[in-house]
């Protein structure tokens, strides 16, 4: 991977997005429906794009929101729709557009009061809490966010009544209907003016913050964190969790310093990511350079991306933890500190996550469920409690409440942050120290992910690779033990290929959110072995 000379340095002014132009393009640009890149396309996390490329405009949001209204009607979903947005520049305009369509379709819509922002996991939590004691009028939700993507991007995703990311059958239906509306010039879209939509009997403004914050004690041991008196820090990276940390401090009497309270849609305070772009990736040492620089001042420090579904953990012992390393530590800790979790509940991991997780789970005698990339695959298990933890190598995870029931069915960055503090409080060692103990026991894996630009045609070809495409019988000098195009945990297509040997593996797949392909590889031997696998 080529590292930009700007990586890890403050973003120069000339790199910042032109916010007035961005919003102007959102409202004025008309997508070319003959261009596949400008149609509605739901990847692993909803529809994403930018007005600057004609892929995220008001026309797209009108069509997608109407398609969601049509889908809800077809499914008989007549409960409230919880809608949140993050701090990206396009999230507020897109939410306004969506409210105009939802009100015209008489959908009971609940948004954060005072035009506030809301983390993705808070919407999932709200949906599940509403539906927990009801068999009729189930709630669902929309989150307006492109996650950690650059400032010029927008995103829009739908969470059905189970509270998690919509499955392929749902997103395909919504995508097809939205593109049908786009092709007709959105003639089938119902819409009223924004002020009228805000005043409508169906639009409600409530506080999402305190119900979520007060419930945190039922998923994380907040008393243990308070009792240990840890000095903690958080950088919300200008995201939707920024207004949640002071209430957490106040209610649980914690000492969490918000080291960067700034909210700026251009994200001008960021340090530049590996490729020379501004990207709020809390798993990137380049994007997280400022917080990593504070590592020795705090027992644990942490961050989230703009919609707060991802976590980044910084410890005095190792600095920024690799997401795979923290997942392995979190799983080992939770399986030995949650006595009320059902013994049969599986640990869910994506098939591109580290094999260190396999070793930890196997040692503790628990069941591993390896699924394709995408948090949606964990939703059924988290929902019914048959999966106690679901985690992705891209720094997204969630887990059950203390009593073994569902907390969220979407990735929850804040609870993964607070779990790191709980681990330090209850064990006297930070998560980085725990990972060193794992490597002493199981060996030190070397892991890499390589991203490269790929056209839609190339990504489609890669997605259809089969085990028959691999003619070799060995991988880097070892006998190949498995060639997978389906995930062992649920037999679902992985949208690519994974090849496994005794001491290492690789996987290749197209990204579901960006115009790139990804190669993942891991070796439990050494750098030369990892290089041979990649080669």
Protein backbone atom coordinates (compact mmCIF):
# COMPACT_ATOMS: atom_id res chain seq x y z
CA UNK A 1 0.00 0.00 0.00
CA UNK A 2 1.38 3.43 -0.95
CA UNK A 3 1.41 5.81 2.01
CA UNK A 4 0.74 9.48 1.25
CA UNK A 5 3.37 11.97 2.47
CA UNK A 6 0.46 13.77 4.19
CA UNK A 7 -0.60 10.68 6.18
CA UNK A 8 -0.90 11.39 9.90
CA UNK A 9 -0.46 15.15 9.40
CA UNK A 10 -3.11 17.88 9.85
CA UNK A 11 -5.33 18.28 6.79
CA UNK A 12 -4.18 21.28 4.71
CA UNK A 13 -6.82 23.92 3.95
CA UNK A 14 -6.75 23.23 0.21
CA UNK A 15 -7.90 19.68 0.91
CA UNK A 16 -11.10 20.73 2.66
CA UNK A 17 -14.36 20.20 0.82
CA UNK A 18 -16.28 23.24 -0.48
CA UNK A 19 -19.38 22.90 1.72
CA UNK A 20 -21.66 25.39 -0.11
CA UNK A 21 -20.86 23.72 -3.45
CA UNK A 22 -21.49 20.28 -1.95
CA UNK A 23 -24.97 21.23 -0.71
CA UNK A 24 -25.75 23.05 -3.97
CA UNK A 25 -24.84 19.94 -5.97
CA UNK A 26 -26.97 17.78 -3.65
CA UNK A 27 -30.10 19.78 -4.48
CA UNK A 28 -29.41 20.66 -8.11
CA UNK A 29 -27.60 17.73 -9.71
CA UNK A 30 -29.67 15.13 -11.55
CA UNK A 31 -28.21 11.62 -11.61
CA UNK A 32 -27.63 9.90 -14.96
CA UNK A 33 -29.69 6.71 -14.56
CA UNK A 34 -27.89 5.16 -17.53
CA UNK A 35 -24.66 5.24 -15.52
CA UNK A 36 -24.56 2.30 -13.05
CA UNK A 37 -22.37 4.37 -10.71
CA UNK A 38 -25.14 6.98 -10.38
CA UNK A 39 -28.02 4.62 -9.62
CA UNK A 40 -29.19 3.64 -6.14
CA UNK A 41 -26.96 0.84 -4.89
CA UNK A 42 -27.16 -0.73 -1.44
CA UNK A 43 -23.79 -2.15 -0.41
CA UNK A 44 -22.97 -3.70 2.96
CA UNK A 45 -24.12 -0.50 4.73
CA UNK A 46 -26.83 1.17 2.67
CA UNK A 47 -26.51 3.60 -0.25
CA UNK A 48 -23.42 5.83 -0.29
CA UNK A 49 -22.06 8.36 -2.72
CA UNK A 50 -21.32 12.03 -3.35
CA UNK A 51 -23.15 14.79 -5.25
CA UNK A 52 -19.80 15.62 -6.83
CA UNK A 53 -20.06 12.27 -8.69
CA UNK A 54 -23.83 12.31 -9.16
CA UNK A 55 -24.24 9.35 -6.80
CA UNK A 56 -25.83 11.01 -3.72
CA UNK A 57 -28.36 13.71 -4.54
CA UNK A 58 -31.79 14.83 -3.41
CA UNK A 59 -33.23 12.74 -6.24
CA UNK A 60 -31.65 9.61 -4.73
CA UNK A 61 -33.00 10.33 -1.24
CA UNK A 62 -36.50 11.09 -2.54
CA UNK A 63 -36.53 7.77 -4.40
CA UNK A 64 -35.02 5.69 -1.57
CA UNK A 65 -37.32 7.14 1.09
CA UNK A 66 -40.42 6.54 -1.05
CA UNK A 67 -39.20 3.01 -1.73
CA UNK A 68 -38.85 2.43 2.03
CA UNK A 69 -42.38 3.76 2.55
CA UNK A 70 -43.64 1.37 -0.13
CA UNK A 71 -41.73 -1.52 1.45
CA UNK A 72 -43.11 -0.77 4.92
CA UNK A 73 -46.65 -0.69 3.52
CA UNK A 74 -46.15 -4.00 1.71
CA UNK A 75 -44.83 -5.58 4.93
CA UNK A 76 -47.54 -4.15 7.14
CA UNK A 77 -44.99 -2.21 9.20
CA UNK A 78 -47.14 0.53 10.69
CA UNK A 79 -45.24 1.45 13.85
CA UNK A 80 -42.94 4.44 14.32
CA UNK A 81 -39.82 4.96 12.24
CA UNK A 82 -36.83 6.14 14.27
CA UNK A 83 -34.48 8.31 12.21
CA UNK A 84 -31.00 9.50 13.09
CA UNK A 85 -28.29 11.40 11.28
CA UNK A 86 -24.57 11.91 11.77
CA UNK A 87 -22.44 15.04 11.37
CA UNK A 88 -21.46 14.74 7.69
CA UNK A 89 -22.40 17.86 5.71
CA UNK A 90 -24.97 16.02 3.60
CA UNK A 91 -26.69 14.23 6.48
CA UNK A 92 -28.86 17.18 7.54
CA UNK A 93 -30.08 17.99 3.99
CA UNK A 94 -30.79 14.31 3.34
CA UNK A 95 -32.71 13.99 6.59
CA UNK A 96 -34.82 17.03 5.64
CA UNK A 97 -35.59 15.47 2.26
CA UNK A 98 -36.54 12.17 3.89
CA UNK A 99 -38.84 13.86 6.44
CA UNK A 100 -40.72 15.55 3.58
CA UNK A 101 -41.41 12.15 2.00
CA UNK A 102 -42.15 10.30 5.27
CA UNK A 103 -44.67 12.95 6.35
CA UNK A 104 -46.38 12.91 2.95
CA UNK A 105 -46.71 9.12 3.31
CA UNK A 106 -48.10 9.57 6.86
CA UNK A 107 -45.30 7.56 8.47
CA UNK A 108 -44.97 8.16 12.21
CA UNK A 109 -41.39 9.49 12.32
CA UNK A 110 -39.32 10.11 15.45
CA UNK A 111 -36.18 12.27 15.27
CA UNK A 112 -33.77 13.69 17.86
CA UNK A 113 -35.11 16.95 19.28
CA UNK A 114 -33.51 20.31 18.44
CA UNK A 115 -32.13 19.01 15.13
CA UNK A 116 -29.64 16.85 17.01
CA UNK A 117 -27.41 14.05 15.74
CA UNK A 118 -27.77 10.40 16.70
CA UNK A 119 -25.36 7.44 16.64
CA UNK A 120 -26.32 4.38 14.60
CA UNK A 121 -26.43 2.06 17.66
CA UNK A 122 -28.82 4.43 19.45
CA UNK A 123 -31.34 4.00 16.63
CA UNK A 124 -30.97 0.21 16.81
CA UNK A 125 -31.41 0.36 20.59
CA UNK A 126 -34.53 2.55 20.28
CA UNK A 127 -36.13 0.19 17.75
CA UNK A 128 -35.49 -2.86 19.93
CA UNK A 129 -36.69 -1.21 23.15
CA UNK A 130 -39.91 -0.15 21.40
CA UNK A 131 -40.52 -3.60 19.91
CA UNK A 132 -39.53 -5.59 23.02
CA UNK A 133 -42.94 -5.51 24.66
CA UNK A 134 -45.08 -5.19 21.54
CA UNK A 135 -46.34 -7.72 19.02
CA UNK A 136 -48.27 -5.10 17.01
CA UNK A 137 -47.15 -1.93 15.24
CA UNK A 138 -43.41 -2.72 15.10
CA UNK A 139 -40.90 0.11 14.75
CA UNK A 140 -38.05 0.32 12.24
CA UNK A 141 -35.50 2.99 11.37
CA UNK A 142 -33.32 5.02 9.01
CA UNK A 143 -29.81 6.29 9.69
CA UNK A 144 -28.42 9.03 7.46
CA UNK A 145 -24.66 8.41 7.44
CA UNK A 146 -21.77 7.33 5.21
CA UNK A 147 -19.97 6.06 8.35
CA UNK A 148 -16.23 6.90 8.28
CA UNK A 149 -16.24 7.98 4.60
CA UNK A 150 -14.70 11.32 3.52
CA UNK A 151 -16.57 14.61 4.20
CA UNK A 152 -17.95 14.92 0.66
CA UNK A 153 -19.87 11.64 0.95
CA UNK A 154 -23.41 10.95 2.07
CA UNK A 155 -25.05 7.71 3.16
CA UNK A 156 -28.54 6.38 3.83
CA UNK A 157 -29.39 3.02 5.41
CA UNK A 158 -32.53 1.21 6.52
CA UNK A 159 -32.92 -0.92 9.65
CA UNK A 160 -36.07 -3.08 9.75
CA UNK A 161 -37.95 -4.18 12.88
CA UNK A 162 -35.08 -6.40 14.09
CA UNK A 163 -33.07 -3.19 14.60
CA UNK A 164 -30.05 -4.19 12.51
CA UNK A 165 -28.90 -3.59 8.94
CA UNK A 166 -31.41 -4.75 6.35
CA UNK A 167 -30.74 -8.10 4.70
CA UNK A 168 -30.15 -8.54 0.96
CA UNK A 169 -33.77 -9.39 0.15
CA UNK A 170 -34.89 -6.08 1.72
CA UNK A 171 -32.14 -3.90 0.25
CA UNK A 172 -32.63 -5.43 -3.20
CA UNK A 173 -36.35 -4.65 -3.08
CA UNK A 174 -35.72 -1.06 -1.94
CA UNK A 175 -32.91 -0.60 -4.48
CA UNK A 176 -35.02 -1.86 -7.39
CA UNK A 177 -38.03 0.25 -6.42
CA UNK A 178 -35.87 3.37 -5.91
CA UNK A 179 -34.22 3.00 -9.30
CA UNK A 180 -37.64 2.50 -10.89
CA UNK A 181 -38.72 5.81 -9.32
CA UNK A 182 -35.50 7.53 -10.46
CA UNK A 183 -36.06 6.39 -14.05
CA UNK A 184 -39.53 7.92 -13.98
CA UNK A 185 -38.18 11.26 -12.76
CA UNK A 186 -39.54 10.51 -9.25
CA UNK A 187 -43.10 11.03 -10.42
CA UNK A 188 -44.26 8.38 -7.95
CA UNK A 189 -42.77 10.16 -4.91
CA UNK A 190 -45.13 11.74 -2.37
CA UNK A 191 -43.71 14.89 -0.80
CA UNK A 192 -44.71 17.97 1.18
CA UNK A 193 -42.72 21.06 2.23
CA UNK A 194 -40.26 20.73 5.09
CA UNK A 195 -41.92 23.16 7.52
CA UNK A 196 -45.27 21.47 6.93
CA UNK A 197 -43.61 18.06 7.42
CA UNK A 198 -42.10 19.16 10.76
CA UNK A 199 -45.52 20.38 11.95
CA UNK A 200 -47.29 17.21 10.81
CA UNK A 201 -49.02 15.06 13.44
CA UNK A 202 -46.82 12.18 12.30
CA UNK A 203 -43.48 13.90 13.01
CA UNK A 204 -42.24 13.69 16.61
CA UNK A 205 -39.10 15.11 18.23
CA UNK A 206 -37.84 13.21 21.28
CA UNK A 207 -34.61 12.80 23.23
CA UNK A 208 -32.65 9.70 22.23
CA UNK A 209 -29.67 10.48 24.48
CA UNK A 210 -30.84 9.74 28.03
CA UNK A 211 -32.73 6.45 27.38
CA UNK A 212 -29.60 4.99 25.77
CA UNK A 213 -27.18 6.41 28.37
CA UNK A 214 -29.27 5.24 31.34
CA UNK A 215 -29.51 1.73 29.88
CA UNK A 216 -25.73 1.34 29.48
CA UNK A 217 -25.43 -0.16 32.99
CA UNK A 218 -27.27 -3.22 31.66
CA UNK A 219 -24.59 -4.03 29.07
CA UNK A 220 -21.30 -2.71 30.57
CA UNK A 221 -20.14 -2.86 34.20
CA UNK A 222 -20.24 0.89 34.78
CA UNK A 223 -19.88 0.47 38.56
CA UNK A 224 -16.56 -1.31 38.10
CA UNK A 225 -15.27 1.52 35.88
CA UNK A 226 -16.37 4.15 38.42
CA UNK A 227 -14.92 2.19 41.32
CA UNK A 228 -11.51 1.88 39.67
CA UNK A 229 -11.28 5.66 39.25
CA UNK A 230 -9.73 5.34 35.79
CA UNK A 231 -8.62 8.44 33.93
CA UNK A 232 -10.17 8.00 30.47
CA UNK A 233 -10.35 10.01 27.24
CA UNK A 234 -12.51 10.04 24.13
CA UNK A 235 -12.20 11.70 20.74
CA UNK A 236 -15.62 11.54 19.03
CA UNK A 237 -13.87 12.57 15.77
CA UNK A 238 -16.55 15.22 15.32
CA UNK A 239 -19.24 12.56 15.21
CA UNK A 240 -22.72 11.82 16.49
CA UNK A 241 -21.59 10.55 19.93
CA UNK A 242 -20.07 13.93 20.84
CA UNK A 243 -23.02 14.90 23.08
CA UNK A 244 -23.29 11.50 24.79
CA UNK A 245 -20.06 11.46 26.82
CA UNK A 246 -20.84 14.23 29.30
CA UNK A 247 -24.20 12.61 30.23
CA UNK A 248 -22.32 9.32 30.66
CA UNK A 249 -19.87 11.09 32.98
CA UNK A 250 -22.68 12.74 34.94
CA UNK A 251 -24.85 9.66 35.44
CA UNK A 252 -22.08 7.16 36.20
CA UNK A 253 -19.62 9.60 37.83
CA UNK A 254 -16.81 8.69 35.44
CA UNK A 255 -13.73 10.68 34.46
CA UNK A 256 -13.85 10.67 30.65
CA UNK A 257 -12.16 13.70 29.11
CA UNK A 258 -13.62 14.72 25.74
CA UNK A 259 -10.31 15.75 24.20
CA UNK A 260 -11.87 16.97 20.94
CA UNK A 261 -15.42 18.34 21.30
CA UNK A 262 -15.32 20.08 17.89
CA UNK A 263 -18.03 19.41 15.29
CA UNK A 264 -17.16 20.63 11.79
CA UNK A 265 -18.70 19.13 8.62
CA UNK A 266 -15.43 19.68 6.76
CA UNK A 267 -13.63 17.66 9.47
CA UNK A 268 -10.77 20.17 9.25
CA UNK A 269 -9.37 18.98 12.60
CA UNK A 270 -8.56 15.52 11.23
CA UNK A 271 -5.12 14.19 10.43
CA UNK A 272 -4.93 12.74 6.92
CA UNK A 273 -5.45 9.01 6.34
CA UNK A 274 -2.98 6.62 4.64
CA UNK A 275 -4.06 7.51 1.10
CA UNK A 276 -4.01 11.29 1.47
CA UNK A 277 -7.77 11.62 2.11
CA UNK A 278 -9.67 12.92 5.11
CA UNK A 279 -11.38 9.85 6.50
CA UNK A 280 -12.73 9.49 10.04
CA UNK A 281 -11.49 5.92 10.42
CA UNK A 282 -10.93 5.25 14.12
CA UNK A 283 -8.96 2.08 13.28
CA UNK A 284 -6.38 4.01 11.21
CA UNK A 285 -3.17 5.09 13.01
CA UNK A 286 -2.94 8.01 10.57
CA UNK A 287 -6.47 9.32 11.19
CA UNK A 288 -6.02 8.69 14.92
CA UNK A 289 -2.58 10.32 15.20
CA UNK A 290 -3.68 13.02 17.66
CA UNK A 291 -5.31 10.62 20.12
CA UNK A 292 -2.42 8.17 19.86
CA UNK A 293 -0.15 11.07 20.87
CA UNK A 294 -2.05 11.25 24.18
CA UNK A 295 -1.78 7.54 24.99
CA UNK A 296 0.45 7.92 28.05
CA UNK A 297 -1.87 10.42 29.75
CA UNK A 298 -4.82 8.04 30.19
CA UNK A 299 -5.54 4.51 31.43
CA UNK A 300 -7.48 3.94 28.19
CA UNK A 301 -8.47 6.35 25.41
CA UNK A 302 -10.93 5.67 22.63
CA UNK A 303 -12.70 7.11 19.60
CA UNK A 304 -15.64 6.51 17.28
CA UNK A 305 -16.36 7.27 13.64
CA UNK A 306 -19.05 9.88 12.76
CA UNK A 307 -22.05 7.56 13.23
CA UNK A 308 -20.34 5.83 16.20
CA UNK A 309 -20.78 2.27 15.02
CA UNK A 310 -17.00 1.71 15.02
CA UNK A 311 -14.46 1.88 17.83
CA UNK A 312 -10.79 2.71 18.15
CA UNK A 313 -8.95 1.73 21.35
CA UNK A 314 -5.72 3.44 22.45
CA UNK A 315 -3.72 2.06 25.39
CA UNK A 316 -0.47 3.10 27.10
CA UNK A 317 1.00 -0.36 26.39
CA UNK A 318 0.61 -0.50 22.59
CA UNK A 319 -0.96 2.75 21.36
CA UNK A 320 -3.78 2.21 18.85
CA UNK A 321 -4.87 -1.41 18.96
CA UNK A 322 -5.36 -3.30 15.72
CA UNK A 323 -9.12 -4.03 15.58
CA UNK A 324 -8.46 -7.78 15.30
CA UNK A 325 -6.35 -7.69 18.46
CA UNK A 326 -9.02 -5.89 20.46
CA UNK A 327 -11.76 -8.23 19.23
CA UNK A 328 -9.78 -11.24 20.48
CA UNK A 329 -9.22 -9.59 23.88
CA UNK A 330 -12.86 -8.48 24.19
CA UNK A 331 -14.13 -11.97 23.37
CA UNK A 332 -11.79 -13.66 25.86
CA UNK A 333 -12.80 -11.22 28.59
CA UNK A 334 -16.56 -11.35 27.96
CA UNK A 335 -16.69 -15.15 27.88
CA UNK A 336 -15.18 -15.22 31.36
CA UNK A 337 -17.03 -12.23 32.86
CA UNK A 338 -20.65 -12.67 31.76
CA UNK A 339 -21.97 -15.56 33.92
CA UNK A 340 -25.59 -15.12 32.81
CA UNK A 341 -24.89 -15.48 29.10
CA UNK A 342 -26.24 -18.77 27.67
CA UNK A 343 -23.48 -21.39 27.37
CA UNK A 344 -24.70 -22.39 23.88
CA UNK A 345 -24.46 -18.86 22.46
CA UNK A 346 -21.92 -18.57 19.63
CA UNK A 347 -19.19 -16.02 19.02
CA UNK A 348 -19.71 -14.44 15.60
CA UNK A 349 -16.78 -13.27 13.47
CA UNK A 350 -16.46 -12.33 9.83
CA UNK A 351 -14.31 -14.70 7.80
CA UNK A 352 -11.68 -11.98 7.22
CA UNK A 353 -11.12 -11.47 10.95
CA UNK A 354 -8.03 -12.85 12.64
CA UNK A 355 -7.65 -16.56 13.40
CA UNK A 356 -6.49 -15.51 16.88
CA UNK A 357 -10.23 -15.29 17.62
CA UNK A 358 -10.63 -18.95 16.62
CA UNK A 359 -7.91 -19.94 19.07
CA UNK A 360 -9.40 -17.92 21.95
CA UNK A 361 -12.90 -19.29 21.38
CA UNK A 362 -11.66 -22.85 20.99
CA UNK A 363 -9.67 -22.70 24.24
CA UNK A 364 -12.77 -21.56 26.13
CA UNK A 365 -14.83 -24.39 24.63
CA UNK A 366 -17.31 -22.13 22.89
CA UNK A 367 -18.82 -22.28 19.42
CA UNK A 368 -17.52 -20.04 16.61
CA UNK A 369 -19.81 -18.83 13.83
CA UNK A 370 -17.81 -17.53 10.85
CA UNK A 371 -19.94 -15.46 8.46
CA UNK A 372 -19.43 -13.28 5.35
CA UNK A 373 -18.40 -9.63 5.62
CA UNK A 374 -21.28 -7.40 6.76
CA UNK A 375 -22.80 -6.93 10.20
CA UNK A 376 -26.22 -7.98 8.91
CA UNK A 377 -25.10 -11.62 9.25
CA UNK A 378 -24.94 -11.26 13.05
CA UNK A 379 -28.42 -9.76 13.37
CA UNK A 380 -30.52 -12.95 13.81
CA UNK A 381 -28.19 -14.40 16.45
CA UNK A 382 -27.85 -11.17 18.46
CA UNK A 383 -31.61 -10.68 18.22
CA UNK A 384 -32.54 -14.07 19.71
CA UNK A 385 -29.49 -14.46 21.96
CA UNK A 386 -28.01 -17.43 20.09
CA UNK A 387 -24.98 -15.23 19.27
CA UNK A 388 -23.51 -13.46 22.31
CA UNK A 389 -20.96 -11.38 20.39
CA UNK A 390 -20.60 -10.31 16.76
CA UNK A 391 -17.47 -8.57 15.50
CA UNK A 392 -15.83 -7.42 12.26
CA UNK A 393 -12.16 -6.79 11.48
CA UNK A 394 -13.14 -3.26 10.46
CA UNK A 395 -13.64 -2.33 14.15
CA UNK A 396 -17.37 -2.91 14.50
CA UNK A 397 -18.97 -5.12 17.15
CA UNK A 398 -21.84 -5.53 19.58
CA UNK A 399 -22.70 -7.97 22.36
CA UNK A 400 -25.56 -9.02 24.63
CA UNK A 401 -26.78 -7.40 27.83
CA UNK A 402 -25.61 -8.82 31.16
CA UNK A 403 -28.74 -11.01 31.27
CA UNK A 404 -28.09 -12.56 27.84
CA UNK A 405 -30.76 -10.63 25.95
CA UNK A 406 -30.29 -8.35 22.95
CA UNK A 407 -28.72 -4.90 23.38
CA UNK A 408 -28.30 -3.74 19.76
CA UNK A 409 -28.30 -5.57 16.46
CA UNK A 410 -26.07 -2.97 14.84
CA UNK A 411 -22.44 -2.16 15.61
CA UNK A 412 -22.07 -0.20 18.84
CA UNK A 413 -18.86 1.81 19.18
CA UNK A 414 -19.57 3.35 22.62
CA UNK A 415 -20.10 0.01 24.38
CA UNK A 416 -16.88 -1.36 22.83
CA UNK A 417 -15.10 1.76 24.13
CA UNK A 418 -16.56 1.37 27.61
CA UNK A 419 -15.77 -2.35 27.57
CA UNK A 420 -12.07 -1.47 27.18
CA UNK A 421 -12.39 0.62 30.34
CA UNK A 422 -14.22 -2.25 32.09
CA UNK A 423 -11.43 -4.67 31.15
CA UNK A 424 -8.80 -2.32 32.61
CA UNK A 425 -10.90 -1.71 35.73
CA UNK A 426 -11.63 -5.37 36.47
CA UNK A 427 -8.24 -6.88 35.59
CA UNK A 428 -5.75 -4.13 36.34
CA UNK A 429 -4.31 -4.50 32.82
CA UNK A 430 -5.19 -2.57 29.69
CA UNK A 431 -6.43 -4.46 26.58
CA UNK A 432 -3.03 -4.11 24.90
CA UNK A 433 -1.39 -5.99 27.77
CA UNK A 434 -4.04 -8.70 27.49
CA UNK A 435 -3.26 -9.12 23.80
CA UNK A 436 0.43 -9.61 24.58
CA UNK A 437 -0.60 -12.48 26.86
CA UNK A 438 -2.62 -14.03 24.02
CA UNK A 439 0.39 -13.91 21.69
CA UNK A 440 2.56 -15.52 24.35
CA UNK A 441 0.07 -18.38 24.48
CA UNK A 442 -0.99 -18.76 20.83
CA UNK A 443 1.76 -17.10 18.79
CA UNK A 444 1.92 -13.72 17.08
CA UNK A 445 -0.18 -13.47 13.92
CA UNK A 446 0.82 -11.04 11.17
CA UNK A 447 -2.19 -9.62 9.35
CA UNK A 448 -2.57 -7.36 6.35
CA UNK A 449 -5.30 -5.90 4.18
CA UNK A 450 -4.52 -4.55 0.73
CA UNK A 451 -7.02 -2.28 -1.05
CA UNK A 452 -6.82 -1.42 -4.74
CA UNK A 453 -9.09 0.50 -7.10
CA UNK A 454 -11.43 -1.71 -9.11
CA UNK A 455 -14.12 -1.06 -11.71
CA UNK A 456 -17.68 -2.36 -11.28
CA UNK A 457 -16.88 -5.06 -13.86
CA UNK A 458 -13.78 -6.18 -11.97
CA UNK A 459 -15.65 -6.24 -8.66
CA UNK A 460 -18.44 -8.32 -10.19
CA UNK A 461 -15.92 -10.82 -11.55
CA UNK A 462 -14.16 -11.14 -8.21
CA UNK A 463 -17.45 -11.63 -6.38
CA UNK A 464 -18.20 -14.70 -8.51
CA UNK A 465 -14.86 -16.48 -7.91
CA UNK A 466 -15.25 -20.15 -6.99
CA UNK A 467 -12.92 -22.64 -5.24
CA UNK A 468 -12.27 -24.16 -8.68
CA UNK A 469 -10.39 -20.96 -9.58
CA UNK A 470 -7.56 -22.06 -7.27
CA UNK A 471 -5.57 -24.80 -9.03
CA UNK A 472 -2.74 -24.96 -6.47
CA UNK A 473 -2.65 -27.58 -3.72
CA UNK A 474 -0.37 -25.54 -1.45
CA UNK A 475 -0.35 -22.01 -0.04
CA UNK A 476 3.07 -20.55 0.79
CA UNK A 477 4.55 -24.02 1.19
CA UNK A 478 1.71 -25.55 3.22
CA UNK A 479 -1.08 -27.86 2.11
CA UNK A 480 -4.34 -26.03 1.47
CA UNK A 481 -6.96 -27.31 3.92
CA UNK A 482 -9.98 -25.33 2.65
CA UNK A 483 -11.11 -23.26 -0.32
CA UNK A 484 -14.25 -21.35 0.60
CA UNK A 485 -16.78 -19.38 -1.39
CA UNK A 486 -19.41 -19.90 1.34
CA UNK A 487 -19.06 -19.07 5.03
CA UNK A 488 -18.78 -22.03 7.43
CA UNK A 489 -21.05 -20.37 10.01
CA UNK A 490 -24.16 -19.99 7.87
CA UNK A 491 -23.32 -21.32 4.38
CA UNK A 492 -23.97 -17.88 2.89
CA UNK A 493 -21.96 -16.79 -0.19
CA UNK A 494 -18.95 -14.75 0.88
CA UNK A 495 -18.85 -12.69 -2.31
CA UNK A 496 -15.28 -13.72 -3.02
CA UNK A 497 -12.88 -16.47 -1.99
CA UNK A 498 -10.98 -17.62 1.13
CA UNK A 499 -8.08 -20.09 1.01
CA UNK A 500 -6.77 -21.63 4.25
CA UNK A 501 -3.63 -23.55 5.26
CA UNK A 502 -2.39 -24.60 8.70
CA UNK A 503 -0.37 -21.46 9.48
CA UNK A 504 -2.09 -18.86 7.32
CA UNK A 505 -4.88 -17.85 4.98
CA UNK A 506 -5.96 -15.22 2.48
CA UNK A 507 -9.32 -13.88 1.32
CA UNK A 508 -10.17 -11.73 -1.70
CA UNK A 509 -13.43 -9.84 -2.17
CA UNK A 510 -14.81 -6.63 -3.65
CA UNK A 511 -15.79 -3.83 -1.26
CA UNK A 512 -19.51 -3.36 -0.76
CA UNK A 513 -19.12 0.38 -0.09
CA UNK A 514 -16.20 1.65 -2.19
CA UNK A 515 -14.82 1.15 -5.73
CA UNK A 516 -12.03 -1.11 -4.53
CA UNK A 517 -11.17 -4.78 -4.09
CA UNK A 518 -9.63 -6.08 -0.89
CA UNK A 519 -7.11 -8.82 -0.19
CA UNK A 520 -6.80 -9.98 3.41
CA UNK A 521 -4.02 -12.29 4.60
CA UNK A 522 -2.69 -13.63 7.88
CA UNK A 523 0.33 -15.69 8.92
CA UNK A 524 1.14 -17.26 12.27
CA UNK A 525 4.78 -17.66 11.17
CA UNK A 526 6.65 -14.55 10.07
CA UNK A 527 6.79 -11.64 7.60
CA UNK A 528 8.32 -13.80 4.86
CA UNK A 529 5.45 -16.29 5.15
CA UNK A 530 2.88 -13.47 5.05
CA UNK A 531 4.56 -12.02 1.94
CA UNK A 532 4.46 -15.45 0.29
CA UNK A 533 0.73 -15.75 1.02
CA UNK A 534 0.06 -12.28 -0.42
CA UNK A 535 2.21 -13.08 -3.48
